[in-house]
Protein backbone atom coordinates (compact mmCIF):
# COMPACT_ATOMS: atom_id res chain seq x y z
CA UNK A 1 -245.78 -46.60 -75.86
CA UNK A 2 -243.33 -47.02 -78.71
CA UNK A 3 -241.96 -43.53 -78.01
CA UNK A 4 -241.25 -44.57 -74.42
CA UNK A 5 -239.39 -47.59 -75.54
CA UNK A 6 -237.27 -45.56 -77.88
CA UNK A 7 -236.51 -43.12 -75.04
CA UNK A 8 -235.45 -46.03 -72.79
CA UNK A 9 -233.21 -47.40 -75.43
CA UNK A 10 -231.64 -43.98 -75.90
CA UNK A 11 -230.89 -43.99 -72.18
CA UNK A 12 -229.20 -47.32 -72.52
CA UNK A 13 -227.11 -46.07 -75.36
CA UNK A 14 -225.72 -43.31 -73.09
CA UNK A 15 -224.06 -46.02 -70.97
CA UNK A 16 -223.85 -46.76 -67.33
CA UNK A 17 -223.22 -43.93 -64.86
CA UNK A 18 -219.81 -43.35 -63.39
CA UNK A 19 -219.31 -45.13 -60.08
CA UNK A 20 -219.19 -41.82 -58.20
CA UNK A 21 -222.51 -40.82 -59.77
CA UNK A 22 -223.96 -44.13 -58.74
CA UNK A 23 -222.99 -43.62 -55.14
CA UNK A 24 -224.48 -40.14 -54.95
CA UNK A 25 -227.63 -41.52 -56.45
CA UNK A 26 -227.90 -44.31 -53.92
CA UNK A 27 -227.04 -42.35 -50.82
CA UNK A 28 -230.57 -41.00 -50.19
CA UNK A 29 -231.89 -44.55 -50.35
CA UNK A 30 -229.38 -45.64 -47.73
CA UNK A 31 -230.47 -42.80 -45.52
CA UNK A 32 -234.06 -43.75 -46.03
CA UNK A 33 -233.44 -47.29 -44.96
CA UNK A 34 -231.88 -46.08 -41.71
CA UNK A 35 -234.71 -43.63 -41.00
CA UNK A 36 -237.78 -45.77 -41.96
CA UNK A 37 -237.40 -48.24 -39.02
CA UNK A 38 -237.48 -45.33 -36.65
CA UNK A 39 -240.87 -44.18 -38.08
CA UNK A 40 -242.20 -47.77 -38.00
CA UNK A 41 -241.16 -48.04 -34.34
CA UNK A 42 -243.00 -44.81 -33.56
CA UNK A 43 -246.07 -46.05 -35.28
CA UNK A 44 -246.06 -49.37 -33.42
CA UNK A 45 -245.75 -47.45 -30.11
CA UNK A 46 -248.66 -45.17 -31.11
CA UNK A 47 -250.78 -48.18 -32.12
CA UNK A 48 -250.04 -49.82 -28.76
CA UNK A 49 -251.18 -46.73 -26.98
CA UNK A 50 -254.43 -46.44 -29.00
CA UNK A 51 -255.29 -50.10 -28.81
CA UNK A 52 -256.10 -50.34 -25.09
CA UNK A 53 -258.47 -47.30 -25.50
CA UNK A 54 -260.46 -49.19 -28.14
CA UNK A 55 -260.62 -52.30 -25.93
CA UNK A 56 -261.99 -50.24 -23.10
CA UNK A 57 -264.64 -48.70 -25.38
CA UNK A 58 -265.73 -52.04 -26.64
CA UNK A 59 -265.99 -53.33 -23.05
CA UNK A 60 -268.23 -50.40 -22.05
CA UNK A 61 -270.36 -50.78 -25.15
CA UNK A 62 -270.96 -54.42 -24.48
CA UNK A 63 -271.93 -53.80 -20.88
């Protein structure tokens, strides 16, 4: 654990990244933020399609 702390302090001594480096590092996260809602929308549509089937099955099982 102490070695990890020393490594982290060493990283801090190197200084902050240049602004251009920071932008290149963050760009994949921005892309991810734009893409993830699309997947969430697909999952909600898929769940909506699957849900009526389960309701029908429960209706027939209760009958």
